[in-house]
């Protein structure tokens, strides 16, 4: 029996097979990247999902209308 086609291997085994071909310094780079991805995943895990406030308010038709002069002056102070 020969080696199974790499495409037929589960993803994790394919990744490990390719990783083992790299020299140790490149493997360390891959580990750094995986740790970066994990940190990013953890940082976003606590964020609120988009759409939680759906239906709680309506955007007025004049939402993008110019602000009144008295309101604009407040930003210039």
C-alpha atoms as a PDB file:
ATOM      1  CA  UNK A   1       0.000   0.000   0.000  1.00  0.00           C
ATOM      2  CA  UNK A   2       1.321   3.400  -0.952  1.00  0.00           C
ATOM      3  CA  UNK A   3       1.077   6.759   0.740  1.00  0.00           C
ATOM      4  CA  UNK A   4      -2.443   8.261   0.444  1.00  0.00           C
ATOM      5  CA  UNK A   5      -2.856  11.269  -1.790  1.00  0.00           C
ATOM      6  CA  UNK A   6      -2.083  14.408   0.239  1.00  0.00           C
ATOM      7  CA  UNK A   7      -5.372  15.924  -0.902  1.00  0.00           C
ATOM      8  CA  UNK A   8      -7.258  13.039   0.722  1.00  0.00           C
ATOM      9  CA  UNK A   9      -5.662  13.551   4.149  1.00  0.00           C
ATOM     10  CA  UNK A  10      -7.531  15.495   6.827  1.00  0.00           C
ATOM     11  CA  UNK A  11      -6.547  19.167   6.951  1.00  0.00           C
ATOM     12  CA  UNK A  12      -4.643  18.876  10.232  1.00  0.00           C
ATOM     13  CA  UNK A  13      -2.502  16.033   8.873  1.00  0.00           C
ATOM     14  CA  UNK A  14      -1.830  17.973   5.654  1.00  0.00           C
ATOM     15  CA  UNK A  15      -0.708  20.997   7.674  1.00  0.00           C
ATOM     16  CA  UNK A  16       1.573  18.897   9.871  1.00  0.00           C
ATOM     17  CA  UNK A  17       3.077  17.104   6.869  1.00  0.00           C
ATOM     18  CA  UNK A  18       3.935  20.427   5.218  1.00  0.00           C
ATOM     19  CA  UNK A  19       5.166  21.945   8.488  1.00  0.00           C
ATOM     20  CA  UNK A  20       7.589  19.056   9.028  1.00  0.00           C
ATOM     21  CA  UNK A  21       9.256  19.935   5.713  1.00  0.00           C
ATOM     22  CA  UNK A  22      10.221  23.392   7.004  1.00  0.00           C
ATOM     23  CA  UNK A  23      13.443  24.153   8.860  1.00  0.00           C
ATOM     24  CA  UNK A  24      13.068  24.929  12.583  1.00  0.00           C
ATOM     25  CA  UNK A  25      13.254  28.714  12.112  1.00  0.00           C
ATOM     26  CA  UNK A  26      10.342  28.618   9.626  1.00  0.00           C
ATOM     27  CA  UNK A  27       8.395  26.341  11.970  1.00  0.00           C
ATOM     28  CA  UNK A  28       8.900  28.989  14.671  1.00  0.00           C
ATOM     29  CA  UNK A  29       7.446  31.622  12.312  1.00  0.00           C
ATOM     30  CA  UNK A  30       4.400  29.419  11.736  1.00  0.00           C
ATOM     31  CA  UNK A  31       3.975  29.013  15.496  1.00  0.00           C
ATOM     32  CA  UNK A  32       4.189  32.791  15.956  1.00  0.00           C
ATOM     33  CA  UNK A  33       1.482  33.246  13.334  1.00  0.00           C
ATOM     34  CA  UNK A  34      -0.776  30.625  14.919  1.00  0.00           C
ATOM     35  CA  UNK A  35      -0.359  32.322  18.311  1.00  0.00           C
ATOM     36  CA  UNK A  36      -1.182  35.679  16.715  1.00  0.00           C
ATOM     37  CA  UNK A  37      -4.368  34.225  15.229  1.00  0.00           C
ATOM     38  CA  UNK A  38      -5.327  32.783  18.604  1.00  0.00           C
ATOM     39  CA  UNK A  39      -4.777  36.127  20.354  1.00  0.00           C
ATOM     40  CA  UNK A  40      -6.940  37.862  17.753  1.00  0.00           C
ATOM     41  CA  UNK A  41      -9.648  35.220  18.184  1.00  0.00           C
ATOM     42  CA  UNK A  42      -9.600  35.673  21.959  1.00  0.00           C
ATOM     43  CA  UNK A  43      -9.707  39.467  21.641  1.00  0.00           C
ATOM     44  CA  UNK A  44     -12.792  39.358  19.428  1.00  0.00           C
ATOM     45  CA  UNK A  45     -14.531  36.574  21.368  1.00  0.00           C
ATOM     46  CA  UNK A  46     -15.883  39.044  23.929  1.00  0.00           C
ATOM     47  CA  UNK A  47     -17.227  41.498  21.368  1.00  0.00           C
ATOM     48  CA  UNK A  48     -20.948  41.814  20.971  1.00  0.00           C
ATOM     49  CA  UNK A  49     -22.325  40.227  17.819  1.00  0.00           C
ATOM     50  CA  UNK A  50     -23.526  42.540  15.067  1.00  0.00           C
ATOM     51  CA  UNK A  51     -27.261  43.087  14.985  1.00  0.00           C
ATOM     52  CA  UNK A  52     -28.114  42.858  18.692  1.00  0.00           C
ATOM     53  CA  UNK A  53     -29.933  46.188  18.523  1.00  0.00           C
ATOM     54  CA  UNK A  54     -31.833  45.402  15.329  1.00  0.00           C
ATOM     55  CA  UNK A  55     -35.323  46.842  15.523  1.00  0.00           C
ATOM     56  CA  UNK A  56     -34.600  48.878  18.687  1.00  0.00           C
ATOM     57  CA  UNK A  57     -34.469  52.191  16.822  1.00  0.00           C
ATOM     58  CA  UNK A  58     -35.161  53.678  13.422  1.00  0.00           C
ATOM     59  CA  UNK A  59     -32.724  55.841  11.465  1.00  0.00           C
ATOM     60  CA  UNK A  60     -34.502  59.091  10.603  1.00  0.00           C
ATOM     61  CA  UNK A  61     -34.883  60.039   6.955  1.00  0.00           C
ATOM     62  CA  UNK A  62     -32.764  63.168   7.488  1.00  0.00           C
ATOM     63  CA  UNK A  63     -29.883  61.285   9.154  1.00  0.00           C
ATOM     64  CA  UNK A  64     -27.322  62.525   6.650  1.00  0.00           C
ATOM     65  CA  UNK A  65     -28.758  66.043   6.339  1.00  0.00           C
ATOM     66  CA  UNK A  66     -26.434  68.956   7.182  1.00  0.00           C
ATOM     67  CA  UNK A  67     -26.345  69.891  10.860  1.00  0.00           C
ATOM     68  CA  UNK A  68     -27.922  73.163  11.960  1.00  0.00           C
ATOM     69  CA  UNK A  69     -25.494  76.101  12.283  1.00  0.00           C
ATOM     70  CA  UNK A  70     -25.882  76.233  16.085  1.00  0.00           C
ATOM     71  CA  UNK A  71     -24.822  72.573  16.331  1.00  0.00           C
ATOM     72  CA  UNK A  72     -21.865  73.080  14.002  1.00  0.00           C
ATOM     73  CA  UNK A  73     -20.656  75.976  16.162  1.00  0.00           C
ATOM     74  CA  UNK A  74     -20.392  73.583  19.123  1.00  0.00           C
ATOM     75  CA  UNK A  75     -17.703  71.645  17.239  1.00  0.00           C
ATOM     76  CA  UNK A  76     -15.744  74.809  16.505  1.00  0.00           C
ATOM     77  CA  UNK A  77     -15.368  75.913  20.138  1.00  0.00           C
END
